[in-house]
Amino acid sequence: MTHGTHDFVDDPRNATIQVWINGHLKPREDATVSVLDSGFVLGDGVWEGLRVVRGHPVFLDAHLDRLYEGAKALMLDVGMDRAELTRALYATLRANDMLDGVHIRLMVTRGLKRTPYQDPRVCIGPATVVILAEYKTPLPDVAERGLKLFTVHVRRGYPDVQDPKLNSHSKLNCITACIQAYTAGADEALMLDPHGFVATCNSTHFFIVRRGEVWTSTGDFCLGGITRSKVLEACAEIGVAARERNFSLTDVYGAQEAFVTGTFAGLVPVREVDGRRLGSADPAARALTNRLRAAYRALVERDVANRSSDE
C-alpha cells in the first residue's frame, strides 16, 4: 500500500472536536454547510493548511498573506480582517484544548448561492469561513522510508488557464495527477510544467540535491509554498547553495538526494522516481536532506518562540 506525505496516525479524539463555522463552534457531526454553498457547488474558494506547535499556528503571517492575496485575486470578500481571523483560529484551538500534533484546515468560500450557477453575482450571503482543527501526526515510517514518485502526464498549466499560484478549492488537476500516481503504485505524482521541466508534486513541492547544491523549480508553475520558501531560507542560513531553476527528469534521475516539502509533514525524503533509486537506501546517508530537516525545525521553533513572546 502506498503512503503519501499526508497519511496520518488516526486519533480517536477527532470524533469529538469542535468545528468553527461562521462564528459558531459546532460538534463535528453537526458541522455542515449548505448544498448551495459556493464551495460545494463550484469549488469557489481559497484555503490554507496550518501546523500547530505548542498552541501556535506555525508561520501564520505567511499563510494569511497567501489566503488574503488569493481572496483578492478572486474578488472574494473574506468578511473578517486578519486580527479577527487570528482570534478565531486561537479560539478554535482553545475550545478543543489543542497544543501539539494538530493540523488546521482554514477554508473560505464565496458563500451561499441563490441557485447552483457559477456567476458570483447569484451569491446571497457573506463568505463561508470554516476552521477545522484535527489531531494529526504524520505516519513516522513515511519519513523513514522515503517516498516513491511517478511522473504523470497531467501538467501544471499556464496562469491564464488556471493560475497555479491560487490555493483554490478547485484542485482537479492535482486530483487527476494523484490518481495516476497511485494507480501506478507510487506515493505521489511528480508534475511537469508546459515546457517539460519539473514543476512540483500534486500536493507538495519537489527538491533535488546535485553535487552539494539544492535545486527546485523556478516556481512559475506551482503554488507559492510556505514550507518551500522556509527551506530556501534554511539553505541560506546554513550556507547551502540553493537554485530556483529549470531542470529536467534527466537531472532528477541523476540526483544524489531528493525530498518534498509541505506544511503537514515538513521535509520528507524521496527514495525513488520513475523506478530510479535516488541515493542510498540508508536514511542516515541522506546527509543534506537531514541537515535541512534540522534547519527547518529550527525555523519552526523560532517562529513559535516569537509568537509566544507576543502573547
Protein backbone atom coordinates (compact mmCIF):
# COMPACT_ATOMS: atom_id res chain seq x y z
CA MET A 1 0.00 0.00 0.00
CA THR A 2 1.30 3.47 -0.88
CA HIS A 3 1.65 6.15 1.76
CA GLY A 4 1.82 9.81 0.78
CA THR A 5 3.02 12.72 2.86
CA HIS A 6 -0.50 13.40 4.14
CA ASP A 7 -1.13 9.96 5.61
CA PHE A 8 -1.56 10.24 9.35
CA VAL A 9 -1.99 8.36 12.58
CA ASP A 10 -5.69 8.02 13.44
CA ASP A 11 -6.61 9.77 16.69
CA PRO A 12 -9.93 8.96 18.44
CA ARG A 13 -10.08 12.49 19.88
CA ASN A 14 -11.07 13.77 16.44
CA ALA A 15 -14.54 12.27 16.85
CA THR A 16 -15.46 14.92 19.43
CA ILE A 17 -13.78 18.05 18.09
CA GLN A 18 -15.50 21.42 17.79
CA VAL A 19 -15.50 23.00 14.32
CA TRP A 20 -15.67 26.78 13.84
CA ILE A 21 -18.24 27.78 11.19
CA ASN A 22 -19.10 31.46 10.64
CA GLY A 23 -18.52 32.44 14.25
CA HIS A 24 -20.05 29.37 15.89
CA LEU A 25 -18.36 26.27 17.31
CA LYS A 26 -20.23 23.10 16.43
CA PRO A 27 -19.65 19.40 17.20
CA ARG A 28 -18.09 17.55 14.29
CA GLU A 29 -21.31 15.67 13.46
CA ASP A 30 -23.22 18.95 13.22
CA ALA A 31 -20.55 20.88 11.32
CA THR A 32 -22.22 21.23 7.92
CA VAL A 33 -22.65 23.77 5.13
CA SER A 34 -25.48 24.12 2.62
CA VAL A 35 -25.61 22.17 -0.64
CA LEU A 36 -25.93 25.63 -2.22
CA ASP A 37 -22.62 26.83 -0.79
CA SER A 38 -20.23 28.09 -3.48
CA GLY A 39 -17.50 25.76 -2.27
CA PHE A 40 -19.70 22.68 -2.71
CA VAL A 41 -21.32 23.77 -5.97
CA LEU A 42 -18.21 25.04 -7.76
CA GLY A 43 -15.09 24.74 -5.62
CA ASP A 44 -15.17 28.53 -5.44
CA GLY A 45 -12.94 29.48 -2.52
CA VAL A 46 -9.48 29.57 -1.02
CA TRP A 47 -7.94 27.64 1.84
CA GLU A 48 -4.84 27.18 3.98
CA GLY A 49 -3.38 24.26 5.92
CA LEU A 50 -1.50 25.12 9.13
CA ARG A 51 0.52 23.09 11.60
CA VAL A 52 0.19 23.87 15.30
CA VAL A 53 3.17 23.71 17.68
CA ARG A 54 2.75 24.49 21.39
CA GLY A 55 -0.62 26.05 20.70
CA HIS A 56 0.52 28.31 17.85
CA PRO A 57 -0.16 28.03 14.11
CA VAL A 58 3.30 27.97 12.54
CA PHE A 59 4.23 30.72 10.03
CA LEU A 60 0.74 32.17 10.45
CA ASP A 61 1.56 35.55 8.91
CA ALA A 62 2.78 33.96 5.67
CA HIS A 63 -0.30 31.74 5.48
CA LEU A 64 -2.65 34.68 6.00
CA ASP A 65 -0.76 36.66 3.35
CA ARG A 66 -1.41 33.88 0.85
CA LEU A 67 -5.05 33.47 1.86
CA TYR A 68 -5.92 37.15 1.53
CA GLU A 69 -3.96 37.54 -1.71
CA GLY A 70 -5.86 34.60 -3.20
CA ALA A 71 -9.18 36.00 -2.00
CA LYS A 72 -8.36 39.38 -3.54
CA ALA A 73 -7.48 37.76 -6.87
CA LEU A 74 -10.88 36.04 -6.85
CA MET A 75 -12.69 39.20 -5.69
CA LEU A 76 -13.84 37.22 -2.66
CA ASP A 77 -14.61 39.21 0.47
CA VAL A 78 -13.48 37.10 3.44
CA GLY A 79 -15.64 39.25 5.71
CA MET A 80 -13.05 39.16 8.51
CA ASP A 81 -9.79 41.03 8.85
CA ARG A 82 -6.53 39.32 9.81
CA ALA A 83 -6.91 40.06 13.51
CA GLU A 84 -10.45 38.65 13.62
CA LEU A 85 -9.42 35.52 11.73
CA THR A 86 -6.41 35.04 14.00
CA ARG A 87 -8.64 35.27 17.08
CA ALA A 88 -10.99 32.70 15.56
CA LEU A 89 -8.10 30.29 14.94
CA TYR A 90 -6.92 30.54 18.55
CA ALA A 91 -10.50 30.28 19.85
CA THR A 92 -10.90 27.01 17.95
CA LEU A 93 -7.68 25.63 19.42
CA ARG A 94 -8.70 26.64 22.95
CA ALA A 95 -12.16 25.12 22.55
CA ASN A 96 -10.54 21.81 21.64
CA ASP A 97 -7.72 22.11 24.21
CA MET A 98 -5.19 21.65 21.40
CA LEU A 99 -1.47 22.33 21.69
CA ASP A 100 0.63 19.93 19.60
CA GLY A 101 0.20 17.31 16.90
CA VAL A 102 -2.56 19.41 15.33
CA HIS A 103 -3.33 20.39 11.75
CA ILE A 104 -5.78 23.16 10.84
CA ARG A 105 -7.73 23.40 7.62
CA LEU A 106 -8.87 27.00 7.17
CA MET A 107 -11.45 27.27 4.38
CA VAL A 108 -13.18 30.31 2.89
CA THR A 109 -15.81 30.07 0.14
CA ARG A 110 -17.84 32.74 -1.61
CA GLY A 111 -20.85 31.67 0.43
CA LEU A 112 -24.46 30.72 -0.20
CA LYS A 113 -25.89 30.89 -3.73
CA ARG A 114 -29.49 31.62 -4.68
CA THR A 115 -29.27 28.88 -7.31
CA PRO A 116 -26.49 26.46 -8.34
CA TYR A 117 -24.86 28.59 -11.03
CA GLN A 118 -21.29 29.79 -11.47
CA ASP A 119 -21.89 33.57 -11.66
CA PRO A 120 -20.67 35.08 -8.34
CA ARG A 121 -23.48 37.63 -8.52
CA VAL A 122 -26.04 34.97 -7.57
CA CYS A 123 -24.49 34.70 -4.10
CA ILE A 124 -26.95 35.88 -1.46
CA GLY A 125 -24.87 36.00 1.68
CA PRO A 126 -21.43 36.58 3.14
CA ALA A 127 -18.47 34.27 2.73
CA THR A 128 -18.48 30.91 4.48
CA VAL A 129 -15.49 30.58 6.84
CA VAL A 130 -14.65 27.19 8.36
CA ILE A 131 -11.83 26.31 10.76
CA LEU A 132 -11.35 22.57 11.13
CA ALA A 133 -8.60 21.63 13.59
CA GLU A 134 -7.73 17.95 13.98
CA TYR A 135 -5.21 15.90 15.89
CA LYS A 136 -2.97 14.75 13.05
CA THR A 137 0.53 13.34 13.19
CA PRO A 138 2.31 12.18 10.01
CA LEU A 139 2.96 8.44 9.78
CA PRO A 140 6.53 8.12 11.09
CA ASP A 141 7.60 5.38 8.68
CA VAL A 142 6.90 7.61 5.65
CA ALA A 143 9.80 9.95 6.50
CA GLU A 144 11.98 6.98 7.44
CA ARG A 145 11.32 5.02 4.26
CA GLY A 146 11.07 7.91 1.82
CA LEU A 147 8.56 8.44 -0.96
CA LYS A 148 8.17 6.80 -4.32
CA LEU A 149 7.19 9.29 -7.06
CA PHE A 150 5.81 8.75 -10.54
CA THR A 151 5.88 11.37 -13.31
CA VAL A 152 2.35 11.82 -14.63
CA HIS A 153 1.02 13.14 -17.93
CA VAL A 154 -1.06 15.81 -16.14
CA ARG A 155 0.81 19.12 -16.38
CA ARG A 156 0.87 22.25 -14.28
CA GLY A 157 -0.74 24.76 -16.63
CA TYR A 158 -0.27 28.35 -17.64
CA PRO A 159 -1.62 31.04 -15.29
CA ASP A 160 -4.04 32.30 -17.95
CA VAL A 161 -5.85 28.93 -17.80
CA GLN A 162 -5.94 28.38 -14.04
CA ASP A 163 -3.23 30.12 -12.10
CA PRO A 164 -1.33 27.53 -10.02
CA LYS A 165 -0.44 30.31 -7.59
CA LEU A 166 -4.04 30.29 -6.35
CA ASN A 167 -4.64 27.94 -3.43
CA SER A 168 -8.22 27.44 -4.56
CA HIS A 169 -10.70 24.79 -3.54
CA SER A 170 -10.73 23.55 -7.12
CA LYS A 171 -7.82 21.07 -7.29
CA LEU A 172 -8.98 18.81 -10.10
CA ASN A 173 -5.69 18.73 -11.98
CA CYS A 174 -3.87 17.74 -8.78
CA ILE A 175 -6.50 15.08 -8.07
CA THR A 176 -6.17 13.53 -11.53
CA ALA A 177 -2.38 13.58 -11.13
CA CYS A 178 -2.71 11.86 -7.75
CA ILE A 179 -4.97 9.17 -9.24
CA GLN A 180 -2.49 8.42 -12.00
CA ALA A 181 0.37 8.19 -9.49
CA TYR A 182 -1.28 5.85 -7.01
CA THR A 183 -2.66 3.58 -9.72
CA ALA A 184 0.95 3.27 -10.92
CA GLY A 185 1.94 2.16 -7.39
CA ALA A 186 3.59 5.43 -6.34
CA ASP A 187 3.03 7.58 -3.26
CA GLU A 188 2.67 10.88 -5.05
CA ALA A 189 2.74 12.44 -8.52
CA LEU A 190 5.64 14.40 -9.96
CA MET A 191 4.24 17.01 -12.34
CA LEU A 192 5.97 18.81 -15.21
CA ASP A 193 5.35 22.33 -16.47
CA PRO A 194 4.09 23.06 -20.02
CA HIS A 195 7.69 23.08 -21.29
CA GLY A 196 8.56 19.65 -19.88
CA PHE A 197 10.61 20.87 -16.93
CA VAL A 198 9.93 19.61 -13.41
CA ALA A 199 7.36 21.81 -11.65
CA THR A 200 6.09 20.28 -8.41
CA CYS A 201 4.21 17.33 -6.93
CA ASN A 202 0.45 17.05 -6.69
CA SER A 203 0.36 18.14 -3.02
CA THR A 204 3.96 19.05 -2.13
CA HIS A 205 6.98 20.85 -3.57
CA PHE A 206 9.91 18.95 -5.02
CA PHE A 207 13.65 19.42 -4.46
CA ILE A 208 16.74 17.54 -5.63
CA VAL A 209 20.35 17.57 -4.44
CA ARG A 210 23.11 17.57 -7.05
CA ARG A 211 26.79 17.91 -6.16
CA GLY A 212 26.08 19.66 -2.89
CA GLU A 213 23.52 22.09 -4.32
CA VAL A 214 19.78 22.13 -3.72
CA TRP A 215 17.59 22.64 -6.79
CA THR A 216 13.90 23.35 -7.00
CA SER A 217 11.74 24.65 -9.84
CA THR A 218 11.53 28.29 -10.82
CA GLY A 219 8.18 28.42 -9.05
CA ASP A 220 6.46 29.76 -12.16
CA PHE A 221 4.02 26.85 -12.34
CA CYS A 222 3.40 25.96 -8.71
CA LEU A 223 1.81 27.32 -5.59
CA GLY A 224 3.90 29.75 -3.55
CA GLY A 225 4.68 27.16 -0.89
CA ILE A 226 5.29 28.38 2.65
CA THR A 227 7.45 25.41 3.61
CA ARG A 228 9.24 25.66 0.25
CA SER A 229 10.19 29.26 0.98
CA LYS A 230 11.32 28.38 4.51
CA VAL A 231 13.55 25.58 3.20
CA LEU A 232 15.19 28.04 0.81
CA GLU A 233 15.66 30.35 3.80
CA ALA A 234 17.17 27.47 5.78
CA CYS A 235 19.60 26.80 2.92
CA ALA A 236 20.84 30.37 3.13
CA GLU A 237 21.22 30.17 6.91
CA ILE A 238 23.36 27.01 6.89
CA GLY A 239 25.38 28.02 3.82
CA VAL A 240 23.96 25.59 1.26
CA ALA A 241 23.71 26.79 -2.34
CA ALA A 242 20.06 26.71 -3.47
CA ARG A 243 18.87 27.28 -7.02
CA GLU A 244 15.39 28.04 -8.31
CA ARG A 245 15.81 26.91 -11.90
CA ASN A 246 14.55 24.82 -14.77
CA PHE A 247 15.66 21.20 -14.69
CA SER A 248 14.58 18.04 -16.44
CA LEU A 249 13.85 14.47 -15.45
CA THR A 250 17.39 13.56 -16.53
CA ASP A 251 18.65 15.85 -13.78
CA VAL A 252 16.26 14.19 -11.34
CA TYR A 253 17.35 10.64 -12.20
CA GLY A 254 20.99 11.60 -11.61
CA ALA A 255 20.38 13.37 -8.28
CA GLN A 256 22.16 12.24 -5.12
CA GLU A 257 19.13 13.03 -2.92
CA ALA A 258 15.60 14.32 -3.29
CA PHE A 259 12.86 15.44 -0.94
CA VAL A 260 9.45 17.08 -0.90
CA THR A 261 8.15 19.84 1.36
CA GLY A 262 4.73 20.67 2.75
CA THR A 263 3.04 22.16 5.77
CA PHE A 264 1.77 18.86 7.16
CA ALA A 265 4.92 16.72 7.16
CA GLY A 266 7.70 19.29 6.69
CA LEU A 267 10.58 17.71 4.75
CA VAL A 268 10.09 14.13 3.54
CA PRO A 269 12.84 12.25 1.64
CA VAL A 270 12.21 10.77 -1.80
CA ARG A 271 13.77 7.38 -2.41
CA GLU A 272 12.62 6.66 -5.96
CA VAL A 273 11.37 8.46 -9.07
CA ASP A 274 10.00 6.51 -12.05
CA GLY A 275 11.76 3.34 -10.93
CA ARG A 276 15.15 5.05 -10.45
CA ARG A 277 16.53 4.90 -6.91
CA LEU A 278 17.97 8.20 -5.73
CA GLY A 279 20.94 7.95 -3.41
CA SER A 280 21.35 5.40 -0.66
CA ALA A 281 18.63 3.27 0.87
CA ASP A 282 20.11 4.12 4.29
CA PRO A 283 18.21 7.08 5.83
CA ALA A 284 21.37 8.17 7.65
CA ALA A 285 23.11 8.67 4.29
CA ARG A 286 20.71 11.45 3.24
CA ALA A 287 23.17 13.96 4.61
CA LEU A 288 21.89 17.23 3.15
CA THR A 289 18.22 16.30 3.50
CA ASN A 290 18.79 15.53 7.17
CA ARG A 291 20.64 18.81 7.71
CA LEU A 292 17.82 20.76 6.12
CA ARG A 293 15.19 18.94 8.16
CA ALA A 294 17.01 20.07 11.29
CA ALA A 295 17.40 23.63 9.97
CA TYR A 296 13.71 23.80 9.06
CA ARG A 297 12.71 22.60 12.54
CA ALA A 298 14.87 25.40 13.96
CA LEU A 299 12.92 27.95 11.90
CA VAL A 300 9.66 26.48 13.22
CA GLU A 301 10.90 26.75 16.80
CA ARG A 302 11.97 30.36 16.23
CA ASP A 303 8.58 31.30 14.81
CA VAL A 304 6.73 29.66 17.70
CA ALA A 305 9.03 31.34 20.25
CA ASN A 306 8.35 34.74 18.64
CA ARG A 307 4.59 34.19 18.73
CA SER A 308 4.77 33.06 22.35
CA SER A 309 6.67 36.20 23.31
CA ASP A 310 3.94 38.34 21.71
CA GLU A 311 1.21 36.94 23.97
